[in-house]
């Protein structure tokens, strides 16, 4: 189940990257912004891409949270790193306790 969610998450990440790169810049920092000539046609495409990007981003976040929840359930069965280290080092000499 976890590997399926990771695969879906990778696919969603690639789709999200592509959808963000397809959008036109509205800041105009390099002169690549929306021109006034194509304002009406670009606005409808921009609106679709904006909605599509937000939906894919939401699915990506939900999938990421699901992966963390599944991983956390598997980790609860194990011990902490300090407990494992104490069990492994039991053969080493111990520091005497002060009274």
PDB file of N, CA and C in Angstrom:
ATOM      1  N   UNK A   1       0.824  -1.190   0.000  1.00  0.00           N
ATOM      2  CA  UNK A   1       0.000   0.000   0.000  1.00  0.00           C
ATOM      3  C   UNK A   1       0.870   1.256   0.000  1.00  0.00           C
ATOM      4  N   UNK A   2       1.931   1.198   0.800  1.00  0.00           N
ATOM      5  CA  UNK A   2       2.804   2.370   0.892  1.00  0.00           C
ATOM      6  C   UNK A   2       3.526   2.624  -0.437  1.00  0.00           C
ATOM      7  N   UNK A   3       3.948   1.564  -1.112  1.00  0.00           N
ATOM      8  CA  UNK A   3       4.645   1.749  -2.387  1.00  0.00           C
ATOM      9  C   UNK A   3       3.699   2.292  -3.457  1.00  0.00           C
ATOM     10  N   UNK A   4       2.433   1.908  -3.400  1.00  0.00           N
ATOM     11  CA  UNK A   4       1.445   2.452  -4.331  1.00  0.00           C
ATOM     12  C   UNK A   4       1.248   3.949  -4.098  1.00  0.00           C
ATOM     13  N   UNK A   5       1.139   4.339  -2.843  1.00  0.00           N
ATOM     14  CA  UNK A   5       0.979   5.759  -2.529  1.00  0.00           C
ATOM     15  C   UNK A   5       2.215   6.570  -2.910  1.00  0.00           C
ATOM     16  N   UNK A   6       3.390   5.993  -2.739  1.00  0.00           N
ATOM     17  CA  UNK A   6       4.611   6.696  -3.135  1.00  0.00           C
ATOM     18  C   UNK A   6       4.653   6.875  -4.646  1.00  0.00           C
ATOM     19  N   UNK A   7       4.239   5.852  -5.393  1.00  0.00           N
ATOM     20  CA  UNK A   7       4.198   5.965  -6.852  1.00  0.00           C
ATOM     21  C   UNK A   7       3.206   7.034  -7.293  1.00  0.00           C
ATOM     22  N   UNK A   8       2.031   7.049  -6.682  1.00  0.00           N
ATOM     23  CA  UNK A   8       1.032   8.078  -6.995  1.00  0.00           C
ATOM     24  C   UNK A   8       1.563   9.453  -6.646  1.00  0.00           C
ATOM     25  N   UNK A   9       2.268   9.562  -5.534  1.00  0.00           N
ATOM     26  CA  UNK A   9       2.817  10.845  -5.103  1.00  0.00           C
ATOM     27  C   UNK A   9       3.865  11.361  -6.083  1.00  0.00           C
ATOM     28  N   UNK A  10       4.695  10.464  -6.616  1.00  0.00           N
ATOM     29  CA  UNK A  10       5.705  10.865  -7.600  1.00  0.00           C
ATOM     30  C   UNK A  10       5.034  11.335  -8.889  1.00  0.00           C
ATOM     31  N   UNK A  11       4.000  10.610  -9.324  1.00  0.00           N
ATOM     32  CA  UNK A  11       3.274  11.016 -10.534  1.00  0.00           C
ATOM     33  C   UNK A  11       2.608  12.378 -10.331  1.00  0.00           C
ATOM     34  N   UNK A  12       1.995  12.579  -9.163  1.00  0.00           N
ATOM     35  CA  UNK A  12       1.368  13.871  -8.870  1.00  0.00           C
ATOM     36  C   UNK A  12       2.405  14.994  -8.831  1.00  0.00           C
ATOM     37  N   UNK A  13       3.597  14.706  -8.324  1.00  0.00           N
ATOM     38  CA  UNK A  13       4.649  15.723  -8.273  1.00  0.00           C
ATOM     39  C   UNK A  13       5.075  16.121  -9.677  1.00  0.00           C
ATOM     40  N   UNK A  14       5.205  15.151 -10.572  1.00  0.00           N
ATOM     41  CA  UNK A  14       5.593  15.463 -11.955  1.00  0.00           C
ATOM     42  C   UNK A  14       4.496  16.270 -12.649  1.00  0.00           C
ATOM     43  N   UNK A  15       3.237  15.872 -12.461  1.00  0.00           N
ATOM     44  CA  UNK A  15       2.119  16.620 -13.054  1.00  0.00           C
ATOM     45  C   UNK A  15       2.066  18.034 -12.493  1.00  0.00           C
ATOM     46  N   UNK A  16       2.322  18.179 -11.198  1.00  0.00           N
ATOM     47  CA  UNK A  16       2.304  19.506 -10.573  1.00  0.00           C
ATOM     48  C   UNK A  16       3.408  20.393 -11.133  1.00  0.00           C
ATOM     49  N   UNK A  17       4.585  19.837 -11.309  1.00  0.00           N
ATOM     50  CA  UNK A  17       5.697  20.610 -11.879  1.00  0.00           C
ATOM     51  C   UNK A  17       5.370  21.059 -13.294  1.00  0.00           C
ATOM     52  N   UNK A  18       4.833  20.146 -14.095  1.00  0.00           N
ATOM     53  CA  UNK A  18       4.494  20.487 -15.481  1.00  0.00           C
ATOM     54  C   UNK A  18       3.399  21.548 -15.534  1.00  0.00           C
ATOM     55  N   UNK A  19       2.380  21.425 -14.683  1.00  0.00           N
ATOM     56  CA  UNK A  19       1.287  22.399 -14.714  1.00  0.00           C
ATOM     57  C   UNK A  19       1.748  23.778 -14.251  1.00  0.00           C
ATOM     58  N   UNK A  20       2.690  23.829 -13.332  1.00  0.00           N
ATOM     59  CA  UNK A  20       3.215  25.127 -12.898  1.00  0.00           C
ATOM     60  C   UNK A  20       4.062  25.745 -14.006  1.00  0.00           C
ATOM     61  N   UNK A  21       4.846  24.917 -14.694  1.00  0.00           N
ATOM     62  CA  UNK A  21       5.692  25.439 -15.762  1.00  0.00           C
ATOM     63  C   UNK A  21       4.884  25.884 -16.986  1.00  0.00           C
ATOM     64  N   UNK A  22       3.700  25.313 -17.180  1.00  0.00           N
ATOM     65  CA  UNK A  22       2.859  25.707 -18.312  1.00  0.00           C
ATOM     66  C   UNK A  22       2.188  27.057 -18.107  1.00  0.00           C
ATOM     67  N   UNK A  23       2.057  27.481 -16.878  1.00  0.00           N
ATOM     68  CA  UNK A  23       1.390  28.751 -16.600  1.00  0.00           C
ATOM     69  C   UNK A  23       2.271  29.913 -17.011  1.00  0.00           C
ATOM     70  N   UNK A  24       1.626  30.964 -17.487  1.00  0.00           N
ATOM     71  CA  UNK A  24       2.372  32.159 -17.858  1.00  0.00           C
ATOM     72  C   UNK A  24       2.648  32.990 -16.629  1.00  0.00           C
ATOM     73  N   UNK A  25       3.758  33.701 -16.681  1.00  0.00           N
ATOM     74  CA  UNK A  25       4.138  34.564 -15.575  1.00  0.00           C
ATOM     75  C   UNK A  25       3.248  35.801 -15.570  1.00  0.00           C
ATOM     76  N   UNK A  26       2.713  36.142 -14.415  1.00  0.00           N
ATOM     77  CA  UNK A  26       1.904  37.352 -14.312  1.00  0.00           C
ATOM     78  C   UNK A  26       2.703  38.500 -13.732  1.00  0.00           C
ATOM     79  N   UNK A  27       3.906  38.221 -13.269  1.00  0.00           N
ATOM     80  CA  UNK A  27       4.717  39.272 -12.688  1.00  0.00           C
ATOM     81  C   UNK A  27       5.407  40.116 -13.740  1.00  0.00           C
ATOM     82  N   UNK A  28       5.724  39.534 -14.884  1.00  0.00           N
ATOM     83  CA  UNK A  28       6.389  40.283 -15.929  1.00  0.00           C
ATOM     84  C   UNK A  28       7.822  40.637 -15.596  1.00  0.00           C
ATOM     85  N   UNK A  29       8.487  39.840 -14.791  1.00  0.00           N
ATOM     86  CA  UNK A  29       9.847  40.152 -14.374  1.00  0.00           C
ATOM     87  C   UNK A  29      10.810  40.134 -15.545  1.00  0.00           C
ATOM     88  N   UNK A  30      10.605  39.219 -16.504  1.00  0.00           N
ATOM     89  CA  UNK A  30      11.486  39.140 -17.659  1.00  0.00           C
ATOM     90  C   UNK A  30      10.773  39.553 -18.938  1.00  0.00           C
ATOM     91  N   UNK A  31       9.637  40.196 -18.819  1.00  0.00           N
ATOM     92  CA  UNK A  31       8.900  40.603 -19.994  1.00  0.00           C
ATOM     93  C   UNK A  31       8.103  39.482 -20.617  1.00  0.00           C
ATOM     94  N   UNK A  32       7.885  38.398 -19.902  1.00  0.00           N
ATOM     95  CA  UNK A  32       7.152  37.253 -20.430  1.00  0.00           C
ATOM     96  C   UNK A  32       5.733  37.195 -19.897  1.00  0.00           C
ATOM     97  N   UNK A  33       5.250  38.265 -19.341  1.00  0.00           N
ATOM     98  CA  UNK A  33       3.930  38.270 -18.722  1.00  0.00           C
ATOM     99  C   UNK A  33       2.816  38.297 -19.745  1.00  0.00           C
ATOM    100  N   UNK A  34       1.591  38.435 -19.258  1.00  0.00           N
ATOM    101  CA  UNK A  34       0.416  38.448 -20.108  1.00  0.00           C
ATOM    102  C   UNK A  34       0.342  39.788 -20.830  1.00  0.00           C
ATOM    103  N   UNK A  35       0.187  39.734 -22.152  1.00  0.00           N
ATOM    104  CA  UNK A  35       0.043  40.972 -22.908  1.00  0.00           C
ATOM    105  C   UNK A  35      -1.425  41.369 -22.957  1.00  0.00           C
ATOM    106  N   UNK A  36      -1.696  42.621 -23.269  1.00  0.00           N
ATOM    107  CA  UNK A  36      -3.062  43.117 -23.313  1.00  0.00           C
ATOM    108  C   UNK A  36      -3.804  42.603 -24.544  1.00  0.00           C
ATOM    109  N   UNK A  37      -3.098  42.196 -25.595  1.00  0.00           N
ATOM    110  CA  UNK A  37      -3.739  41.719 -26.818  1.00  0.00           C
ATOM    111  C   UNK A  37      -4.481  40.407 -26.603  1.00  0.00           C
ATOM    112  N   UNK A  38      -3.899  39.519 -25.894  1.00  0.00           N
ATOM    113  CA  UNK A  38      -4.476  38.193 -25.689  1.00  0.00           C
ATOM    114  C   UNK A  38      -5.044  38.035 -24.284  1.00  0.00           C
ATOM    115  N   UNK A  39      -5.539  39.097 -23.722  1.00  0.00           N
ATOM    116  CA  UNK A  39      -5.979  39.062 -22.330  1.00  0.00           C
ATOM    117  C   UNK A  39      -7.177  38.132 -22.132  1.00  0.00           C
ATOM    118  N   UNK A  40      -8.146  38.163 -23.045  1.00  0.00           N
ATOM    119  CA  UNK A  40      -9.354  37.345 -22.856  1.00  0.00           C
ATOM    120  C   UNK A  40      -9.076  35.866 -23.074  1.00  0.00           C
ATOM    121  N   UNK A  41      -8.300  35.512 -24.088  1.00  0.00           N
ATOM    122  CA  UNK A  41      -8.049  34.097 -24.354  1.00  0.00           C
ATOM    123  C   UNK A  41      -7.090  33.485 -23.332  1.00  0.00           C
ATOM    124  N   UNK A  42      -6.123  34.258 -22.906  1.00  0.00           N
ATOM    125  CA  UNK A  42      -5.163  33.732 -21.939  1.00  0.00           C
ATOM    126  C   UNK A  42      -5.780  33.627 -20.554  1.00  0.00           C
ATOM    127  N   UNK A  43      -6.752  34.447 -20.272  1.00  0.00           N
ATOM    128  CA  UNK A  43      -7.376  34.429 -18.957  1.00  0.00           C
ATOM    129  C   UNK A  43      -8.130  33.126 -18.731  1.00  0.00           C
ATOM    130  N   UNK A  44      -8.836  32.644 -19.757  1.00  0.00           N
ATOM    131  CA  UNK A  44      -9.588  31.398 -19.589  1.00  0.00           C
ATOM    132  C   UNK A  44      -8.651  30.202 -19.459  1.00  0.00           C
ATOM    133  N   UNK A  45      -7.566  30.190 -20.219  1.00  0.00           N
ATOM    134  CA  UNK A  45      -6.586  29.112 -20.095  1.00  0.00           C
ATOM    135  C   UNK A  45      -5.904  29.201 -18.741  1.00  0.00           C
ATOM    136  N   UNK A  46      -5.572  30.413 -18.309  1.00  0.00           N
ATOM    137  CA  UNK A  46      -4.941  30.599 -17.008  1.00  0.00           C
ATOM    138  C   UNK A  46      -5.846  30.166 -15.879  1.00  0.00           C
ATOM    139  N   UNK A  47      -7.130  30.422 -16.023  1.00  0.00           N
ATOM    140  CA  UNK A  47      -8.082  30.025 -14.997  1.00  0.00           C
ATOM    141  C   UNK A  47      -8.143  28.501 -14.891  1.00  0.00           C
ATOM    142  N   UNK A  48      -8.175  27.822 -16.044  1.00  0.00           N
ATOM    143  CA  UNK A  48      -8.193  26.353 -16.032  1.00  0.00           C
ATOM    144  C   UNK A  48      -6.917  25.804 -15.411  1.00  0.00           C
ATOM    145  N   UNK A  49      -5.758  26.345 -15.830  1.00  0.00           N
ATOM    146  CA  UNK A  49      -4.489  25.853 -15.293  1.00  0.00           C
ATOM    147  C   UNK A  49      -4.367  26.133 -13.801  1.00  0.00           C
ATOM    148  N   UNK A  50      -4.884  27.273 -13.374  1.00  0.00           N
ATOM    149  CA  UNK A  50      -4.837  27.605 -11.949  1.00  0.00           C
ATOM    150  C   UNK A  50      -5.666  26.624 -11.128  1.00  0.00           C
ATOM    151  N   UNK A  51      -6.870  26.338 -11.607  1.00  0.00           N
ATOM    152  CA  UNK A  51      -7.727  25.377 -10.890  1.00  0.00           C
ATOM    153  C   UNK A  51      -7.123  23.976 -10.926  1.00  0.00           C
ATOM    154  N   UNK A  52      -6.601  23.574 -12.084  1.00  0.00           N
ATOM    155  CA  UNK A  52      -5.988  22.259 -12.218  1.00  0.00           C
ATOM    156  C   UNK A  52      -4.783  22.129 -11.290  1.00  0.00           C
ATOM    157  N   UNK A  53      -3.961  23.177 -11.228  1.00  0.00           N
ATOM    158  CA  UNK A  53      -2.780  23.160 -10.360  1.00  0.00           C
ATOM    159  C   UNK A  53      -3.181  23.066  -8.895  1.00  0.00           C
ATOM    160  N   UNK A  54      -4.219  23.796  -8.505  1.00  0.00           N
ATOM    161  CA  UNK A  54      -4.636  23.744  -7.096  1.00  0.00           C
ATOM    162  C   UNK A  54      -5.213  22.378  -6.736  1.00  0.00           C
ATOM    163  N   UNK A  55      -5.919  21.744  -7.673  1.00  0.00           N
ATOM    164  CA  UNK A  55      -6.457  20.406  -7.408  1.00  0.00           C
ATOM    165  C   UNK A  55      -5.327  19.388  -7.287  1.00  0.00           C
ATOM    166  N   UNK A  56      -4.354  19.446  -8.198  1.00  0.00           N
ATOM    167  CA  UNK A  56      -3.228  18.514  -8.149  1.00  0.00           C
ATOM    168  C   UNK A  56      -2.398  18.751  -6.885  1.00  0.00           C
ATOM    169  N   UNK A  57      -2.211  20.011  -6.499  1.00  0.00           N
ATOM    170  CA  UNK A  57      -1.454  20.314  -5.280  1.00  0.00           C
ATOM    171  C   UNK A  57      -2.173  19.773  -4.045  1.00  0.00           C
ATOM    172  N   UNK A  58      -3.492  19.889  -4.012  1.00  0.00           N
ATOM    173  CA  UNK A  58      -4.257  19.355  -2.886  1.00  0.00           C
ATOM    174  C   UNK A  58      -4.139  17.836  -2.822  1.00  0.00           C
ATOM    175  N   UNK A  59      -4.244  17.175  -3.973  1.00  0.00           N
ATOM    176  CA  UNK A  59      -4.088  15.715  -4.001  1.00  0.00           C
ATOM    177  C   UNK A  59      -2.681  15.302  -3.570  1.00  0.00           C
ATOM    178  N   UNK A  60      -1.676  16.072  -3.976  1.00  0.00           N
ATOM    179  CA  UNK A  60      -0.290  15.791  -3.586  1.00  0.00           C
ATOM    180  C   UNK A  60      -0.119  15.891  -2.071  1.00  0.00           C
ATOM    181  N   UNK A  61      -0.688  16.920  -1.470  1.00  0.00           N
ATOM    182  CA  UNK A  61      -0.568  17.109  -0.022  1.00  0.00           C
ATOM    183  C   UNK A  61      -1.304  16.005   0.731  1.00  0.00           C
ATOM    184  N   UNK A  62      -2.508  15.662   0.275  1.00  0.00           N
ATOM    185  CA  UNK A  62      -3.274  14.598   0.936  1.00  0.00           C
ATOM    186  C   UNK A  62      -2.538  13.266   0.825  1.00  0.00           C
ATOM    187  N   UNK A  63      -1.979  12.996  -0.340  1.00  0.00           N
ATOM    188  CA  UNK A  63      -1.231  11.747  -0.534  1.00  0.00           C
ATOM    189  C   UNK A  63       0.020  11.720   0.358  1.00  0.00           C
ATOM    190  N   UNK A  64       0.693  12.853   0.479  1.00  0.00           N
ATOM    191  CA  UNK A  64       1.881  12.930   1.341  1.00  0.00           C
ATOM    192  C   UNK A  64       1.522  12.690   2.805  1.00  0.00           C
ATOM    193  N   UNK A  65       0.410  13.254   3.243  1.00  0.00           N
ATOM    194  CA  UNK A  65      -0.026  13.053   4.628  1.00  0.00           C
ATOM    195  C   UNK A  65      -0.399  11.587   4.856  1.00  0.00           C
ATOM    196  N   UNK A  66      -1.026  10.955   3.864  1.00  0.00           N
ATOM    197  CA  UNK A  66      -1.375   9.534   3.988  1.00  0.00           C
ATOM    198  C   UNK A  66      -0.128   8.671   4.084  1.00  0.00           C
ATOM    199  N   UNK A  67       0.904   9.003   3.323  1.00  0.00           N
ATOM    200  CA  UNK A  67       2.158   8.246   3.397  1.00  0.00           C
ATOM    201  C   UNK A  67       2.785   8.379   4.777  1.00  0.00           C
ATOM    202  N   UNK A  68       2.762   9.574   5.320  1.00  0.00           N
ATOM    203  CA  UNK A  68       3.326   9.785   6.658  1.00  0.00           C
ATOM    204  C   UNK A  68       2.524   9.014   7.701  1.00  0.00           C
ATOM    205  N   UNK A  69       1.211   9.009   7.575  1.00  0.00           N
ATOM    206  CA  UNK A  69       0.372   8.297   8.548  1.00  0.00           C
ATOM    207  C   UNK A  69       0.627   6.798   8.494  1.00  0.00           C
ATOM    208  N   UNK A  70       0.760   6.258   7.297  1.00  0.00           N
ATOM    209  CA  UNK A  70       1.039   4.819   7.167  1.00  0.00           C
ATOM    210  C   UNK A  70       2.427   4.492   7.706  1.00  0.00           C
ATOM    211  N   UNK A  71       3.400   5.319   7.406  1.00  0.00           N
ATOM    212  CA  UNK A  71       4.764   5.089   7.900  1.00  0.00           C
ATOM    213  C   UNK A  71       4.830   5.192   9.411  1.00  0.00           C
ATOM    214  N   UNK A  72       4.085   6.105   9.975  1.00  0.00           N
ATOM    215  CA  UNK A  72       4.097   6.288  11.429  1.00  0.00           C
ATOM    216  C   UNK A  72       3.515   5.068  12.133  1.00  0.00           C
ATOM    217  N   UNK A  73       2.478   4.458  11.567  1.00  0.00           N
ATOM    218  CA  UNK A  73       1.904   3.253  12.172  1.00  0.00           C
ATOM    219  C   UNK A  73       2.906   2.113  12.180  1.00  0.00           C
ATOM    220  N   UNK A  74       3.704   2.005  11.125  1.00  0.00           N
ATOM    221  CA  UNK A  74       4.716   0.948  11.077  1.00  0.00           C
ATOM    222  C   UNK A  74       5.844   1.222  12.058  1.00  0.00           C
ATOM    223  N   UNK A  75       6.155   2.479  12.314  1.00  0.00           N
ATOM    224  CA  UNK A  75       7.251   2.821  13.225  1.00  0.00           C
ATOM    225  C   UNK A  75       6.875   2.633  14.689  1.00  0.00           C
ATOM    226  N   UNK A  76       5.612   2.637  15.014  1.00  0.00           N
ATOM    227  CA  UNK A  76       5.204   2.492  16.415  1.00  0.00           C
ATOM    228  C   UNK A  76       5.550   1.117  16.964  1.00  0.00           C
ATOM    229  N   UNK A  77       5.667   0.139  16.099  1.00  0.00           N
ATOM    230  CA  UNK A  77       5.979  -1.215  16.545  1.00  0.00           C
ATOM    231  C   UNK A  77       7.441  -1.359  16.931  1.00  0.00           C
ATOM    232  N   UNK A  78       8.302  -0.495  16.441  1.00  0.00           N
ATOM    233  CA  UNK A  78       9.725  -0.599  16.734  1.00  0.00           C
ATOM    234  C   UNK A  78      10.071   0.206  17.982  1.00  0.00           C
ATOM    235  N   UNK A  79      11.268  -0.025  18.479  1.00  0.00           N
ATOM    236  CA  UNK A  79      11.745   0.695  19.651  1.00  0.00           C
ATOM    237  C   UNK A  79      12.466   1.958  19.198  1.00  0.00           C
ATOM    238  N   UNK A  80      12.734   2.816  20.163  1.00  0.00           N
ATOM    239  CA  UNK A  80      13.489   4.010  19.836  1.00  0.00           C
ATOM    240  C   UNK A  80      14.961   3.657  19.630  1.00  0.00           C
ATOM    241  N   UNK A  81      15.696   4.562  19.062  1.00  0.00           N
ATOM    242  CA  UNK A  81      17.114   4.329  18.777  1.00  0.00           C
ATOM    243  C   UNK A  81      17.891   4.151  20.079  1.00  0.00           C
ATOM    244  N   UNK A  82      17.552   4.894  21.106  1.00  0.00           N
ATOM    245  CA  UNK A  82      18.259   4.798  22.375  1.00  0.00           C
ATOM    246  C   UNK A  82      18.022   3.440  23.042  1.00  0.00           C
ATOM    247  N   UNK A  83      16.797   2.909  22.954  1.00  0.00           N
ATOM    248  CA  UNK A  83      16.517   1.604  23.549  1.00  0.00           C
ATOM    249  C   UNK A  83      17.283   0.501  22.833  1.00  0.00           C
ATOM    250  N   UNK A  84      17.378   0.586  21.508  1.00  0.00           N
ATOM    251  CA  UNK A  84      18.141  -0.399  20.747  1.00  0.00           C
ATOM    252  C   UNK A  84      19.622  -0.330  21.095  1.00  0.00           C
ATOM    253  N   UNK A  85      20.137   0.874  21.272  1.00  0.00           N
ATOM    254  CA  UNK A  85      21.552   1.049  21.577  1.00  0.00           C
ATOM    255  C   UNK A  85      21.872   0.495  22.964  1.00  0.00           C
ATOM    256  N   UNK A  86      20.988   0.679  23.933  1.00  0.00           N
ATOM    257  CA  UNK A  86      21.211   0.163  25.276  1.00  0.00           C
ATOM    258  C   UNK A  86      21.231  -1.370  25.282  1.00  0.00           C
ATOM    259  N   UNK A  87      20.358  -1.976  24.477  1.00  0.00           N
ATOM    260  CA  UNK A  87      20.336  -3.436  24.416  1.00  0.00           C
ATOM    261  C   UNK A  87      21.597  -3.982  23.758  1.00  0.00           C
ATOM    262  N   UNK A  88      22.107  -3.311  22.750  1.00  0.00           N
ATOM    263  CA  UNK A  88      23.304  -3.773  22.052  1.00  0.00           C
ATOM    264  C   UNK A  88      24.555  -3.575  22.899  1.00  0.00           C
ATOM    265  N   UNK A  89      24.610  -2.531  23.703  1.00  0.00           N
ATOM    266  CA  UNK A  89      25.792  -2.204  24.481  1.00  0.00           C
ATOM    267  C   UNK A  89      25.770  -2.828  25.875  1.00  0.00           C
ATOM    268  N   UNK A  90      24.918  -3.795  26.131  1.00  0.00           N
ATOM    269  CA  UNK A  90      24.830  -4.367  27.469  1.00  0.00           C
ATOM    270  C   UNK A  90      26.087  -5.158  27.831  1.00  0.00           C
ATOM    271  N   UNK A  91      26.853  -5.602  26.864  1.00  0.00           N
ATOM    272  CA  UNK A  91      28.058  -6.379  27.157  1.00  0.00           C
ATOM    273  C   UNK A  91      29.236  -5.451  27.510  1.00  0.00           C
ATOM    274  N   UNK A  92      29.137  -4.193  27.202  1.00  0.00           N
ATOM    275  CA  UNK A  92      30.216  -3.250  27.511  1.00  0.00           C
ATOM    276  C   UNK A  92      30.192  -2.891  28.982  1.00  0.00           C
ATOM    277  N   UNK A  93      31.341  -2.516  29.530  1.00  0.00           N
ATOM    278  CA  UNK A  93      31.372  -2.119  30.949  1.00  0.00           C
ATOM    279  C   UNK A  93      30.504  -0.881  31.181  1.00  0.00           C
ATOM    280  N   UNK A  94      29.830  -0.884  32.304  1.00  0.00           N
ATOM    281  CA  UNK A  94      28.932   0.215  32.641  1.00  0.00           C
ATOM    282  C   UNK A  94      29.582   1.161  33.648  1.00  0.00           C
ATOM    283  N   UNK A  95      29.161   2.395  33.629  1.00  0.00           N
ATOM    284  CA  UNK A  95      29.642   3.384  34.595  1.00  0.00           C
ATOM    285  C   UNK A  95      28.964   3.095  35.936  1.00  0.00           C
ATOM    286  N   UNK A  96      29.735   3.007  37.017  1.00  0.00           N
ATOM    287  CA  UNK A  96      29.115   2.705  38.321  1.00  0.00           C
ATOM    288  C   UNK A  96      28.201   3.851  38.746  1.00  0.00           C
ATOM    289  N   UNK A  97      27.113   3.472  39.394  1.00  0.00           N
ATOM    290  CA  UNK A  97      26.155   4.443  39.893  1.00  0.00           C
ATOM    291  C   UNK A  97      26.655   5.040  41.201  1.00  0.00           C
ATOM    292  N   UNK A  98      26.513   6.338  41.362  1.00  0.00           N
ATOM    293  CA  UNK A  98      26.917   6.978  42.624  1.00  0.00           C
ATOM    294  C   UNK A  98      25.733   6.915  43.584  1.00  0.00           C
ATOM    295  N   UNK A  99      26.084   6.776  44.889  1.00  0.00           N
ATOM    296  CA  UNK A  99      25.042   6.653  45.904  1.00  0.00           C
ATOM    297  C   UNK A  99      24.767   7.930  46.577  1.00  0.00           C
TER     298      UNK A  99
END
